[in-house]
Amino acid sequence: MRACACGWMRMTACVLRTAPWSAGCARQTYLSVLARSRLRGVAPLAKDELLALKRSIAELAAVGRHLNQIARALNQDARPCQAGTKCR
C-alpha cells in the first residue's frame, strides 16, 4: 500500500509541475480551477477558449435576430393568394 501511495504522490507532483505550465497559468490558479471544475462537475475552459465561446454565442444570437427580421418582413408582405394571380 505504501509503495502505491508513493507512486501516486510522485505522479501527482509531476503533473502539478507540468500541467500548469502547459495550461499557461500559475500552479495555484491551475489547482483552484481544477478544484472548482471537480466540485461543479464541469470542464474548465482556458481564457482564450472561453472568449471564443462567448464570441460564438454572440454571433449565433446575431444570426437568430437576422432570421427573425427576415421572417417578420416576409410575414408582413404575405397576402392571401387569389385565384388567377401569382402568390409572392
C-alpha atoms as a PDB file:
ATOM      1  CA  MET A   1       0.000   0.000   0.000  1.00  0.00           C
ATOM      2  CA  ARG A   2       2.775   2.397   0.864  1.00  0.00           C
ATOM      3  CA  ALA A   3       4.561   1.875  -2.469  1.00  0.00           C
ATOM      4  CA  CYS A   4       1.319   2.593  -4.297  1.00  0.00           C
ATOM      5  CA  ALA A   5       0.795   5.821  -2.342  1.00  0.00           C
ATOM      6  CA  CYS A   6       4.346   6.971  -3.041  1.00  0.00           C
ATOM      7  CA  GLY A   7       3.920   6.250  -6.737  1.00  0.00           C
ATOM      8  CA  TRP A   8       0.710   8.230  -6.787  1.00  0.00           C
ATOM      9  CA  MET A   9       2.394  11.097  -4.942  1.00  0.00           C
ATOM     10  CA  ARG A  10       5.260  11.177  -7.445  1.00  0.00           C
ATOM     11  CA  MET A  11       2.852  11.104 -10.372  1.00  0.00           C
ATOM     12  CA  THR A  12       0.719  13.866  -8.845  1.00  0.00           C
ATOM     13  CA  ALA A  13       3.778  16.006  -8.141  1.00  0.00           C
ATOM     14  CA  CYS A  14       4.939  15.522 -11.726  1.00  0.00           C
ATOM     15  CA  VAL A  15       1.527  16.506 -13.088  1.00  0.00           C
ATOM     16  CA  LEU A  16       1.418  19.580 -10.853  1.00  0.00           C
ATOM     17  CA  ARG A  17       4.843  20.640 -12.119  1.00  0.00           C
ATOM     18  CA  THR A  18       3.982  20.259 -15.811  1.00  0.00           C
ATOM     19  CA  ALA A  19       0.214  20.789 -16.224  1.00  0.00           C
ATOM     20  CA  PRO A  20       0.015  24.428 -15.070  1.00  0.00           C
ATOM     21  CA  TRP A  21       2.923  25.324 -17.311  1.00  0.00           C
ATOM     22  CA  SER A  22       1.297  23.730 -20.352  1.00  0.00           C
ATOM     23  CA  ALA A  23      -2.006  25.450 -19.488  1.00  0.00           C
ATOM     24  CA  GLY A  24      -0.194  28.795 -19.298  1.00  0.00           C
ATOM     25  CA  CYS A  25      -1.087  29.678 -15.709  1.00  0.00           C
ATOM     26  CA  ALA A  26       0.344  29.657 -12.205  1.00  0.00           C
ATOM     27  CA  ARG A  27       0.249  26.446 -10.162  1.00  0.00           C
ATOM     28  CA  GLN A  28      -2.169  27.932  -7.626  1.00  0.00           C
ATOM     29  CA  THR A  29      -4.518  29.117 -10.361  1.00  0.00           C
ATOM     30  CA  TYR A  30      -4.408  25.716 -12.003  1.00  0.00           C
ATOM     31  CA  LEU A  31      -5.231  23.986  -8.709  1.00  0.00           C
ATOM     32  CA  SER A  32      -8.147  26.317  -7.948  1.00  0.00           C
ATOM     33  CA  VAL A  33      -9.595  25.861 -11.456  1.00  0.00           C
ATOM     34  CA  LEU A  34      -9.163  22.100 -11.156  1.00  0.00           C
ATOM     35  CA  ALA A  35     -10.854  22.020  -7.734  1.00  0.00           C
ATOM     36  CA  ARG A  36     -13.756  24.197  -8.900  1.00  0.00           C
ATOM     37  CA  SER A  37     -14.279  22.085 -12.005  1.00  0.00           C
ATOM     38  CA  ARG A  38     -14.363  18.899  -9.910  1.00  0.00           C
ATOM     39  CA  LEU A  39     -16.779  20.376  -7.373  1.00  0.00           C
ATOM     40  CA  ARG A  40     -19.115  21.786 -10.024  1.00  0.00           C
ATOM     41  CA  GLY A  41     -18.798  18.817 -12.369  1.00  0.00           C
ATOM     42  CA  VAL A  42     -17.918  20.931 -15.403  1.00  0.00           C
ATOM     43  CA  ALA A  43     -14.880  21.046 -17.642  1.00  0.00           C
ATOM     44  CA  PRO A  44     -12.596  24.053 -17.101  1.00  0.00           C
ATOM     45  CA  LEU A  45     -12.010  26.373 -20.048  1.00  0.00           C
ATOM     46  CA  ALA A  46      -8.946  28.473 -20.685  1.00  0.00           C
ATOM     47  CA  LYS A  47      -9.470  32.225 -21.026  1.00  0.00           C
ATOM     48  CA  ASP A  48      -8.990  32.181 -24.814  1.00  0.00           C
ATOM     49  CA  GLU A  49     -11.400  29.234 -25.176  1.00  0.00           C
ATOM     50  CA  LEU A  50     -13.987  30.965 -23.002  1.00  0.00           C
ATOM     51  CA  LEU A  51     -13.623  34.173 -25.025  1.00  0.00           C
ATOM     52  CA  ALA A  52     -14.033  32.236 -28.294  1.00  0.00           C
ATOM     53  CA  LEU A  53     -17.132  30.507 -26.890  1.00  0.00           C
ATOM     54  CA  LYS A  54     -18.669  33.839 -25.842  1.00  0.00           C
ATOM     55  CA  ARG A  55     -17.963  35.318 -29.297  1.00  0.00           C
ATOM     56  CA  SER A  56     -19.547  32.313 -30.988  1.00  0.00           C
ATOM     57  CA  ILE A  57     -22.642  32.632 -28.824  1.00  0.00           C
ATOM     58  CA  ALA A  58     -22.892  36.330 -29.677  1.00  0.00           C
ATOM     59  CA  GLU A  59     -22.576  35.588 -33.400  1.00  0.00           C
ATOM     60  CA  LEU A  60     -25.262  32.896 -33.208  1.00  0.00           C
ATOM     61  CA  ALA A  61     -27.543  35.342 -31.403  1.00  0.00           C
ATOM     62  CA  ALA A  62     -26.983  37.890 -34.193  1.00  0.00           C
ATOM     63  CA  VAL A  63     -27.816  35.272 -36.843  1.00  0.00           C
ATOM     64  CA  GLY A  64     -31.005  34.419 -34.948  1.00  0.00           C
ATOM     65  CA  ARG A  65     -32.011  38.086 -34.810  1.00  0.00           C
ATOM     66  CA  HIS A  66     -31.443  38.455 -38.561  1.00  0.00           C
ATOM     67  CA  LEU A  67     -33.525  35.359 -39.288  1.00  0.00           C
ATOM     68  CA  ASN A  68     -36.342  36.741 -37.149  1.00  0.00           C
ATOM     69  CA  GLN A  69     -36.198  40.041 -39.030  1.00  0.00           C
ATOM     70  CA  ILE A  70     -36.347  38.237 -42.369  1.00  0.00           C
ATOM     71  CA  ALA A  71     -39.275  36.078 -41.231  1.00  0.00           C
ATOM     72  CA  ARG A  72     -41.126  39.115 -39.888  1.00  0.00           C
ATOM     73  CA  ALA A  73     -40.626  41.012 -43.161  1.00  0.00           C
ATOM     74  CA  LEU A  74     -41.826  38.047 -45.194  1.00  0.00           C
ATOM     75  CA  ASN A  75     -44.886  37.595 -42.987  1.00  0.00           C
ATOM     76  CA  GLN A  76     -45.830  41.286 -43.195  1.00  0.00           C
ATOM     77  CA  ASP A  77     -45.714  41.205 -47.006  1.00  0.00           C
ATOM     78  CA  ALA A  78     -47.629  37.940 -47.279  1.00  0.00           C
ATOM     79  CA  ARG A  79     -51.121  38.315 -48.687  1.00  0.00           C
ATOM     80  CA  PRO A  80     -53.623  35.592 -49.400  1.00  0.00           C
ATOM     81  CA  CYS A  81     -53.446  34.335 -52.973  1.00  0.00           C
ATOM     82  CA  GLN A  82     -56.427  34.967 -55.182  1.00  0.00           C
ATOM     83  CA  ALA A  83     -57.474  32.733 -57.986  1.00  0.00           C
ATOM     84  CA  GLY A  84     -55.688  33.554 -61.210  1.00  0.00           C
ATOM     85  CA  THR A  85     -52.892  35.642 -59.609  1.00  0.00           C
ATOM     86  CA  LYS A  86     -49.351  34.764 -58.654  1.00  0.00           C
ATOM     87  CA  CYS A  87     -48.506  34.462 -54.989  1.00  0.00           C
ATOM     88  CA  ARG A  88     -45.437  36.106 -53.619  1.00  0.00           C
END
